[in-house]
Amino acid sequence: QVQLVESGGGLVQAGGSLRLSCAASGRNFNYNAMGWFRQAPGKERDFGERVFVAGINWNGNTRVYADAVKGRFNISRDDAKNTLYLQMTTLTPEDTAIYYCAARLGNTVKSTWRDYGWWGQGTQVTVSS
């Protein structure tokens, strides 16, 4: 059974940092692009409300970020550990959301939720002002 399990969310003050992790099991994602999406609480059942945050291609050479997080967030992967990361800095209350890890069949980054077939359960990030 393929699983993506996020961790590292929590409550942080504005200006603070968090690092999210996404551990994959049941399948090797070394040749797949992966990404992070976020969604406002209360809308977890609606995949269409998931907003692209960052994506990384299969070998890590291409990283794509949403404009809202450029310069503040960094996506990375450790294929030896089958784990995806999202380092988030200079957090603001607007970053408050449930953050989801996702993987797609292809090896290039896509920014729409429909392009991703595997999803984690999400981890809550709350930024207080």
Foldseek 3Di string as FASTA:
>chain_A
DWAWAKDWADEAAAQAKIKMKIFIPPDQCLQWKKFKWWAAPPCLVDLQRTFGAKIAFNPRPDIDGDPVQPPFKDWDDDRVRNMIMIIGGSDDQVPWTWMKMFIAPHGDDDGGSVRTDHIHPTDTHGYHD
